[in-house]
């Protein structure tokens, strides 16, 4: 998990990340966020040694707008293959 105040190059600084889920290898992450206008979204990131461990956006999911937090989570779970298993382990 990233430290407080960290913002990806793809996430607008006005967006609030309310959940961040990493895979077991700690090289992939999904951030779920809210926007000031009350909409929600998500983005998937990767972290590679050759990038000095910096989280790099993988897709352009953050541009999609969802009306509800649950809608963003459901879409992220469908779009990101490993996310469902990571959420289940975390709840476990």
C-alpha atoms as a PDB file:
ATOM      1  CA  UNK A   1       0.000   0.000   0.000  1.00  0.00           C
ATOM      2  CA  UNK A   2       1.167   3.471  -0.760  1.00  0.00           C
ATOM      3  CA  UNK A   3       1.718   6.150   1.805  1.00  0.00           C
ATOM      4  CA  UNK A   4      -0.814   8.868   2.462  1.00  0.00           C
ATOM      5  CA  UNK A   5      -0.656  11.704  -0.020  1.00  0.00           C
ATOM      6  CA  UNK A   6       0.696   9.614  -2.920  1.00  0.00           C
ATOM      7  CA  UNK A   7      -1.105  10.314  -6.194  1.00  0.00           C
ATOM      8  CA  UNK A   8      -0.513   8.599  -9.513  1.00  0.00           C
ATOM      9  CA  UNK A   9       0.321  10.553 -12.612  1.00  0.00           C
ATOM     10  CA  UNK A  10      -3.073   9.489 -13.975  1.00  0.00           C
ATOM     11  CA  UNK A  11      -5.240  10.413 -10.969  1.00  0.00           C
ATOM     12  CA  UNK A  12      -6.297  14.007 -10.570  1.00  0.00           C
ATOM     13  CA  UNK A  13      -5.149  15.479  -7.258  1.00  0.00           C
ATOM     14  CA  UNK A  14      -8.738  16.449  -6.415  1.00  0.00           C
ATOM     15  CA  UNK A  15      -9.822  12.782  -6.490  1.00  0.00           C
ATOM     16  CA  UNK A  16      -9.911  10.902  -3.185  1.00  0.00           C
ATOM     17  CA  UNK A  17      -8.614   7.318  -3.198  1.00  0.00           C
ATOM     18  CA  UNK A  18     -10.842   5.483  -0.724  1.00  0.00           C
ATOM     19  CA  UNK A  19      -9.503   1.980  -1.307  1.00  0.00           C
ATOM     20  CA  UNK A  20      -6.302   0.516  -2.720  1.00  0.00           C
ATOM     21  CA  UNK A  21      -5.959  -3.239  -3.307  1.00  0.00           C
ATOM     22  CA  UNK A  22      -2.684  -4.985  -4.198  1.00  0.00           C
ATOM     23  CA  UNK A  23      -2.195  -8.450  -5.622  1.00  0.00           C
ATOM     24  CA  UNK A  24      -0.213 -11.096  -3.700  1.00  0.00           C
ATOM     25  CA  UNK A  25       3.002 -10.253  -5.573  1.00  0.00           C
ATOM     26  CA  UNK A  26       2.646  -6.545  -4.650  1.00  0.00           C
ATOM     27  CA  UNK A  27       3.340  -5.565  -8.256  1.00  0.00           C
ATOM     28  CA  UNK A  28      -0.235  -4.692  -9.262  1.00  0.00           C
ATOM     29  CA  UNK A  29      -2.701  -2.400  -7.562  1.00  0.00           C
ATOM     30  CA  UNK A  30      -6.219  -1.083  -8.133  1.00  0.00           C
ATOM     31  CA  UNK A  31      -7.192   2.286  -6.686  1.00  0.00           C
ATOM     32  CA  UNK A  32     -10.869   3.102  -6.228  1.00  0.00           C
ATOM     33  CA  UNK A  33     -11.569   6.815  -5.942  1.00  0.00           C
ATOM     34  CA  UNK A  34     -14.258   9.463  -5.708  1.00  0.00           C
ATOM     35  CA  UNK A  35     -14.329  12.782  -7.524  1.00  0.00           C
ATOM     36  CA  UNK A  36     -15.470  16.147  -6.101  1.00  0.00           C
ATOM     37  CA  UNK A  37     -18.610  15.974  -8.277  1.00  0.00           C
ATOM     38  CA  UNK A  38     -19.761  12.817  -6.443  1.00  0.00           C
ATOM     39  CA  UNK A  39     -18.838  10.320  -9.166  1.00  0.00           C
ATOM     40  CA  UNK A  40     -16.502   7.356  -8.789  1.00  0.00           C
ATOM     41  CA  UNK A  41     -13.821   5.540 -10.740  1.00  0.00           C
ATOM     42  CA  UNK A  42     -10.861   3.174 -10.588  1.00  0.00           C
ATOM     43  CA  UNK A  43      -7.452   2.622 -12.110  1.00  0.00           C
ATOM     44  CA  UNK A  44      -5.054  -0.338 -12.261  1.00  0.00           C
ATOM     45  CA  UNK A  45      -1.319   0.202 -11.724  1.00  0.00           C
ATOM     46  CA  UNK A  46       1.840  -1.877 -12.001  1.00  0.00           C
ATOM     47  CA  UNK A  47       5.163  -1.568 -10.184  1.00  0.00           C
ATOM     48  CA  UNK A  48       8.317  -2.883 -11.859  1.00  0.00           C
ATOM     49  CA  UNK A  49      11.935  -2.983 -10.702  1.00  0.00           C
ATOM     50  CA  UNK A  50      13.093  -1.239 -13.879  1.00  0.00           C
ATOM     51  CA  UNK A  51      10.776   1.677 -13.029  1.00  0.00           C
ATOM     52  CA  UNK A  52      12.410   2.029  -9.589  1.00  0.00           C
ATOM     53  CA  UNK A  53       9.270   0.734  -7.905  1.00  0.00           C
ATOM     54  CA  UNK A  54       7.088   3.637  -9.073  1.00  0.00           C
ATOM     55  CA  UNK A  55       3.404   2.800  -9.586  1.00  0.00           C
ATOM     56  CA  UNK A  56       2.576   3.200 -13.287  1.00  0.00           C
ATOM     57  CA  UNK A  57      -0.975   3.259 -14.711  1.00  0.00           C
ATOM     58  CA  UNK A  58      -1.766   0.199 -16.838  1.00  0.00           C
ATOM     59  CA  UNK A  59      -5.057   1.190 -18.507  1.00  0.00           C
ATOM     60  CA  UNK A  60      -7.238   4.256 -18.931  1.00  0.00           C
ATOM     61  CA  UNK A  61     -10.010   3.078 -16.618  1.00  0.00           C
ATOM     62  CA  UNK A  62      -9.802   6.321 -14.615  1.00  0.00           C
ATOM     63  CA  UNK A  63     -11.579   8.195 -17.403  1.00  0.00           C
ATOM     64  CA  UNK A  64     -14.769   6.168 -16.978  1.00  0.00           C
ATOM     65  CA  UNK A  65     -17.383   7.709 -14.685  1.00  0.00           C
ATOM     66  CA  UNK A  66     -19.601   5.699 -12.331  1.00  0.00           C
ATOM     67  CA  UNK A  67     -22.543   7.127 -10.407  1.00  0.00           C
ATOM     68  CA  UNK A  68     -22.040   4.886  -7.375  1.00  0.00           C
ATOM     69  CA  UNK A  69     -19.071   3.496  -5.451  1.00  0.00           C
ATOM     70  CA  UNK A  70     -20.425  -0.048  -5.871  1.00  0.00           C
ATOM     71  CA  UNK A  71     -20.652   0.413  -9.661  1.00  0.00           C
ATOM     72  CA  UNK A  72     -16.957   1.358  -9.815  1.00  0.00           C
ATOM     73  CA  UNK A  73     -15.996  -1.662  -7.689  1.00  0.00           C
ATOM     74  CA  UNK A  74     -18.121  -4.025  -9.796  1.00  0.00           C
ATOM     75  CA  UNK A  75     -16.583  -2.681 -13.018  1.00  0.00           C
ATOM     76  CA  UNK A  76     -13.063  -2.960 -11.577  1.00  0.00           C
ATOM     77  CA  UNK A  77     -13.714  -6.561 -10.548  1.00  0.00           C
ATOM     78  CA  UNK A  78     -14.877  -7.404 -14.075  1.00  0.00           C
ATOM     79  CA  UNK A  79     -11.993  -5.557 -15.780  1.00  0.00           C
ATOM     80  CA  UNK A  80      -9.051  -6.649 -13.602  1.00  0.00           C
ATOM     81  CA  UNK A  81      -8.576 -10.426 -13.603  1.00  0.00           C
ATOM     82  CA  UNK A  82      -6.807 -10.757 -10.223  1.00  0.00           C
ATOM     83  CA  UNK A  83      -8.926  -8.275  -8.226  1.00  0.00           C
ATOM     84  CA  UNK A  84     -11.762 -10.572  -7.193  1.00  0.00           C
ATOM     85  CA  UNK A  85      -9.359 -13.097  -5.621  1.00  0.00           C
ATOM     86  CA  UNK A  86      -7.439 -10.314  -3.831  1.00  0.00           C
ATOM     87  CA  UNK A  87     -10.667  -8.894  -2.380  1.00  0.00           C
ATOM     88  CA  UNK A  88     -11.764 -12.334  -1.195  1.00  0.00           C
ATOM     89  CA  UNK A  89      -8.399 -12.973   0.512  1.00  0.00           C
ATOM     90  CA  UNK A  90      -8.495  -9.575   2.161  1.00  0.00           C
ATOM     91  CA  UNK A  91     -12.013 -10.188   3.501  1.00  0.00           C
ATOM     92  CA  UNK A  92     -11.064 -13.690   4.527  1.00  0.00           C
END
